Every structure is written in structure tokens, then in C-alpha cells.
C-alpha atoms as a PDB file:
ATOM      1  CA  MET A   1     -22.673 -14.814  12.122  1.00  0.00           C
ATOM      2  CA  ASN A   2     -19.477 -14.268  10.114  1.00  0.00           C
ATOM      3  CA  LEU A   3     -20.921 -12.435   6.346  1.00  0.00           C
ATOM      4  CA  TYR A   4     -18.824 -13.861   3.506  1.00  0.00           C
ATOM      5  CA  TYR A   5     -18.160 -11.418   0.355  1.00  0.00           C
ATOM      6  CA  ASP A   6     -18.945 -14.643  -2.371  1.00  0.00           C
ATOM      7  CA  ALA A   7     -19.691 -18.802  -2.170  1.00  0.00           C
ATOM      8  CA  TYR A   8     -16.102 -19.170  -2.607  1.00  0.00           C
ATOM      9  CA  SER A   9     -14.801 -17.213   0.133  1.00  0.00           C
ATOM     10  CA  GLN A  10     -17.505 -18.586   2.971  1.00  0.00           C
ATOM     11  CA  SER A  11     -16.349 -22.854   1.131  1.00  0.00           C
ATOM     12  CA  LEU A  12     -12.435 -21.523   1.361  1.00  0.00           C
ATOM     13  CA  SER A  13     -13.258 -20.498   5.198  1.00  0.00           C
ATOM     14  CA  SER A  14     -12.705 -23.837   6.665  1.00  0.00           C
ATOM     15  CA  GLU A  15     -10.023 -24.758   4.591  1.00  0.00           C
ATOM     16  CA  ILE A  16      -7.656 -22.112   6.701  1.00  0.00           C
ATOM     17  CA  PRO A  17      -5.624 -24.044   9.643  1.00  0.00           C
ATOM     18  CA  THR A  18      -6.599 -23.324  12.841  1.00  0.00           C
ATOM     19  CA  SER A  19      -3.017 -25.090  14.470  1.00  0.00           C
ATOM     20  CA  LYS A  20      -0.238 -22.709  14.683  1.00  0.00           C
ATOM     21  CA  ASN A  21       1.822 -24.764  14.069  1.00  0.00           C
ATOM     22  CA  SER A  22       0.937 -25.379  10.365  1.00  0.00           C
ATOM     23  CA  PHE A  23       0.799 -21.756   8.588  1.00  0.00           C
ATOM     24  CA  LEU A  24       3.223 -18.328   9.057  1.00  0.00           C
ATOM     25  CA  LYS A  25       1.105 -15.792   9.626  1.00  0.00           C
ATOM     26  CA  THR A  26       1.740 -11.982   9.151  1.00  0.00           C
ATOM     27  CA  MET A  27      -0.868  -8.908   8.712  1.00  0.00           C
ATOM     28  CA  LEU A  28      -0.231  -6.559   6.647  1.00  0.00           C
ATOM     29  CA  ASN A  29      -1.738  -2.902   6.758  1.00  0.00           C
ATOM     30  CA  LEU A  30      -2.008  -0.962   3.464  1.00  0.00           C
ATOM     31  CA  GLU A  31      -2.161   3.024   3.690  1.00  0.00           C
ATOM     32  CA  LYS A  32      -2.377   3.847  -0.157  1.00  0.00           C
ATOM     33  CA  PHE A  33      -2.216   1.923  -3.624  1.00  0.00           C
ATOM     34  CA  GLU A  34      -0.410   3.501  -6.451  1.00  0.00           C
ATOM     35  CA  ILE A  35      -2.157   2.492  -9.751  1.00  0.00           C
ATOM     36  CA  GLY A  36      -0.050   1.422 -12.832  1.00  0.00           C
ATOM     37  CA  GLN A  37      -1.165   0.125 -16.132  1.00  0.00           C
ATOM     38  CA  SER A  38      -1.818  -3.780 -14.766  1.00  0.00           C
ATOM     39  CA  TYR A  39      -1.473  -3.386 -11.425  1.00  0.00           C
ATOM     40  CA  VAL A  40      -1.407  -1.451  -8.262  1.00  0.00           C
ATOM     41  CA  THR A  41       2.115  -1.431  -5.893  1.00  0.00           C
ATOM     42  CA  CYS A  42       2.333   0.119  -2.477  1.00  0.00           C
ATOM     43  CA  LYS A  43       4.667  -0.169   0.021  1.00  0.00           C
ATOM     44  CA  VAL A  44       4.631  -1.812   3.761  1.00  0.00           C
ATOM     45  CA  ARG A  45       6.950  -2.299   6.421  1.00  0.00           C
ATOM     46  CA  ASN A  46       8.950  -5.149   7.864  1.00  0.00           C
ATOM     47  CA  LYS A  47       9.377  -5.735  11.722  1.00  0.00           C
ATOM     48  CA  GLU A  48      12.891  -4.589  11.016  1.00  0.00           C
ATOM     49  CA  ASN A  49      11.093  -1.365   9.916  1.00  0.00           C
ATOM     50  CA  ASN A  50      12.275  -1.137   5.905  1.00  0.00           C
ATOM     51  CA  THR A  51       9.580  -1.098   3.205  1.00  0.00           C
ATOM     52  CA  VAL A  52       8.552  -3.719   0.508  1.00  0.00           C
ATOM     53  CA  MET A  53       6.691  -2.961  -2.381  1.00  0.00           C
ATOM     54  CA  VAL A  54       3.728  -5.232  -2.881  1.00  0.00           C
ATOM     55  CA  ASN A  55       2.929  -5.321  -5.951  1.00  0.00           C
ATOM     56  CA  ILE A  56      -0.762  -6.730  -6.758  1.00  0.00           C
ATOM     57  CA  GLN A  57      -2.062  -7.934 -10.651  1.00  0.00           C
ATOM     58  CA  GLY A  58      -4.903  -9.465 -12.485  1.00  0.00           C
ATOM     59  CA  GLY A  59      -3.585 -13.403 -14.155  1.00  0.00           C
ATOM     60  CA  SER A  60      -3.133 -16.654 -12.789  1.00  0.00           C
ATOM     61  CA  PRO A  61      -3.601 -17.141  -9.329  1.00  0.00           C
ATOM     62  CA  GLY A  62      -0.260 -17.346  -7.127  1.00  0.00           C
ATOM     63  CA  ILE A  63       1.831 -15.720  -4.741  1.00  0.00           C
ATOM     64  CA  ASP A  64       5.881 -14.582  -4.794  1.00  0.00           C
ATOM     65  CA  ILE A  65       6.068 -14.848  -1.087  1.00  0.00           C
ATOM     66  CA  SER A  66       8.618 -11.479   0.423  1.00  0.00           C
ATOM     67  CA  ASN A  67      11.400 -13.149   2.924  1.00  0.00           C
ATOM     68  CA  SER A  68      11.804 -10.112   4.146  1.00  0.00           C
ATOM     69  CA  LEU A  69       7.966 -10.589   6.067  1.00  0.00           C
ATOM     70  CA  PHE A  70       8.297 -14.312   6.321  1.00  0.00           C
ATOM     71  CA  ASN A  71      10.699 -17.016   8.652  1.00  0.00           C
ATOM     72  CA  LEU A  72      10.666 -18.702   6.090  1.00  0.00           C
ATOM     73  CA  THR A  73      13.464 -21.848   6.114  1.00  0.00           C
ATOM     74  CA  ASP A  74      11.470 -23.723   3.510  1.00  0.00           C
ATOM     75  CA  ILE A  75       9.062 -22.586   0.346  1.00  0.00           C
ATOM     76  CA  PRO A  76       5.245 -22.755   1.590  1.00  0.00           C
ATOM     77  CA  LYS A  77       3.297 -24.412  -0.743  1.00  0.00           C
ATOM     78  CA  THR A  78      -0.180 -21.949  -0.944  1.00  0.00           C
ATOM     79  CA  ALA A  79      -0.514 -18.751   0.614  1.00  0.00           C
ATOM     80  CA  TYR A  80      -4.557 -17.614   1.916  1.00  0.00           C
ATOM     81  CA  LEU A  81      -4.870 -14.331   1.348  1.00  0.00           C
ATOM     82  CA  ARG A  82      -8.109 -12.541   3.958  1.00  0.00           C
ATOM     83  CA  THR A  83      -9.020  -8.945   4.143  1.00  0.00           C
ATOM     84  CA  MET A  84     -12.641  -7.427   5.182  1.00  0.00           C
ATOM     85  CA  ILE A  85     -14.414  -5.701   2.456  1.00  0.00           C
ATOM     86  CA  ASP A  86     -18.050  -3.547   3.096  1.00  0.00           C
ATOM     87  CA  SER A  87     -17.973  -5.620   6.513  1.00  0.00           C
ATOM     88  CA  LYS A  88     -18.266  -8.962   4.434  1.00  0.00           C
ATOM     89  CA  ILE A  89     -14.924 -11.608   4.072  1.00  0.00           C
ATOM     90  CA  LEU A  90     -13.247 -11.933   1.179  1.00  0.00           C
ATOM     91  CA  ILE A  91     -10.399 -15.001   1.261  1.00  0.00           C
ATOM     92  CA  ARG A  92      -8.669 -15.819  -1.340  1.00  0.00           C
ATOM     93  CA  LYS A  93      -6.387 -18.894  -2.295  1.00  0.00           C
ATOM     94  CA  LEU A  94      -3.378 -18.507  -3.900  1.00  0.00           C
ATOM     95  CA  PRO A  95      -0.302 -21.842  -4.955  1.00  0.00           C
ATOM     96  CA  VAL A  96       2.820 -19.896  -3.960  1.00  0.00           C
ATOM     97  CA  LEU A  97       5.000 -19.209  -6.945  1.00  0.00           C
ATOM     98  CA  GLY A  98       8.597 -18.503  -5.240  1.00  0.00           C
ATOM     99  CA  VAL A  99      10.406 -16.064  -3.517  1.00  0.00           C
ATOM    100  CA  LYS A 100      11.050 -12.502  -5.076  1.00  0.00           C
ATOM    101  CA  ASP A 101      12.028  -9.560  -2.243  1.00  0.00           C
ATOM    102  CA  TRP A 102       8.659  -8.093  -2.196  1.00  0.00           C
ATOM    103  CA  LEU A 103       5.405  -9.345  -2.495  1.00  0.00           C
ATOM    104  CA  LEU A 104       3.628  -9.899  -5.535  1.00  0.00           C
ATOM    105  CA  ILE A 105      -0.014 -11.242  -5.339  1.00  0.00           C
ATOM    106  CA  TYR A 106      -1.739 -11.878  -8.880  1.00  0.00           C
ATOM    107  CA  GLU A 107      -5.475 -12.104  -7.987  1.00  0.00           C
ATOM    108  CA  ASN A 108      -8.233 -10.490 -10.211  1.00  0.00           C
ATOM    109  CA  THR A 109     -10.817  -9.860  -6.848  1.00  0.00           C
ATOM    110  CA  LEU A 110      -8.062  -8.640  -4.786  1.00  0.00           C
ATOM    111  CA  PHE A 111      -6.342  -6.132  -8.076  1.00  0.00           C
ATOM    112  CA  MET A 112      -9.936  -4.512  -8.675  1.00  0.00           C
ATOM    113  CA  LEU A 113     -10.827  -4.108  -4.774  1.00  0.00           C
ATOM    114  CA  ALA A 114      -7.569  -2.510  -3.804  1.00  0.00           C
ATOM    115  CA  VAL A 115      -8.421  -0.886  -7.704  1.00  0.00           C
ATOM    116  CA  LYS A 116     -11.152   0.622  -6.059  1.00  0.00           C
ATOM    117  CA  ASP A 117      -9.635   0.724  -2.722  1.00  0.00           C
ATOM    118  CA  LYS A 118     -11.733  -1.412  -0.818  1.00  0.00           C
ATOM    119  CA  TYR A 119      -9.589  -2.820   1.556  1.00  0.00           C
ATOM    120  CA  ASN A 120      -6.302  -1.235   3.360  1.00  0.00           C
ATOM    121  CA  GLU A 121      -5.003  -4.960   5.787  1.00  0.00           C
ATOM    122  CA  LEU A 122      -4.708  -7.558   4.062  1.00  0.00           C
ATOM    123  CA  GLU A 123      -3.609 -11.608   6.068  1.00  0.00           C
ATOM    124  CA  ILE A 124      -1.833 -13.926   5.069  1.00  0.00           C
ATOM    125  CA  LEU A 125      -1.660 -17.670   6.305  1.00  0.00           C
ATOM    126  CA  CYS A 126       0.942 -19.565   4.617  1.00  0.00           C
ATOM    127  CA  VAL A 127       0.819 -23.330   4.696  1.00  0.00           C
ATOM    128  CA  PHE A 128       3.452 -25.533   3.917  1.00  0.00           C
END
């Protein structure tokens, strides 16, 4: 039985596509968050072993995808973000705003939990 962080995560769990042809997926190992005034950042390595910045901040939900983390031919419409918080699954659904050189996530809960250093892995599923 899966335990979910909140009711919103539980409701989103059935929405996530299961066919590998319908999404692109990456798993990020977030080693150390650096706290700024209204955001947190960390560095991750992409498949070519280059450093990519991840920026998480509060605000209206959305995500700017990093092209170096995905093999993009089109811009996805939606991204599902999934992580574990105290052995519970947290899922968020964010509209994709665009493509940048870094990964930029706007989501209040992920921001607050990053400030508290509550997670160190983040799975991103981009749906077209």
C-alpha cells in the first residue's frame, strides 16, 4: 500500500501515464540545496556529465525544463514531479512554461520542503 504525502498527491497518482511512449523521464539526485532569499538551488549532472543548475522557488505552479536533461523534440505540456517525504509519496503536476539552460521549478510545497532539506531525489515525467 502506498502512503501519500497529501490528498492532492494521491489524486494525481492515477493521472500519471504508464506507457513509456507517452512521456520522457529523468531522475535527479539533489545532493545539497543552497538557500537564497526566495529560492533554493542545487547542481545536478546530466547524462554527458555536465553540471546543470536546478532552481526551486515558490509562486504560481510551473516548470521550465532544461534541454540538457531531456532529449526534447517538442516542448511538453505537463510535468509530473515525484519524490519521497518521510516515506510518503509527494506528487505535483506542473504546466511546462518553456525550455531553459537550467531547470526552474515554481511550486510552493517543493520549495518549502527543499528549504528543510526533506528530499534528495526528484523524478520528473514530461508528458506531451
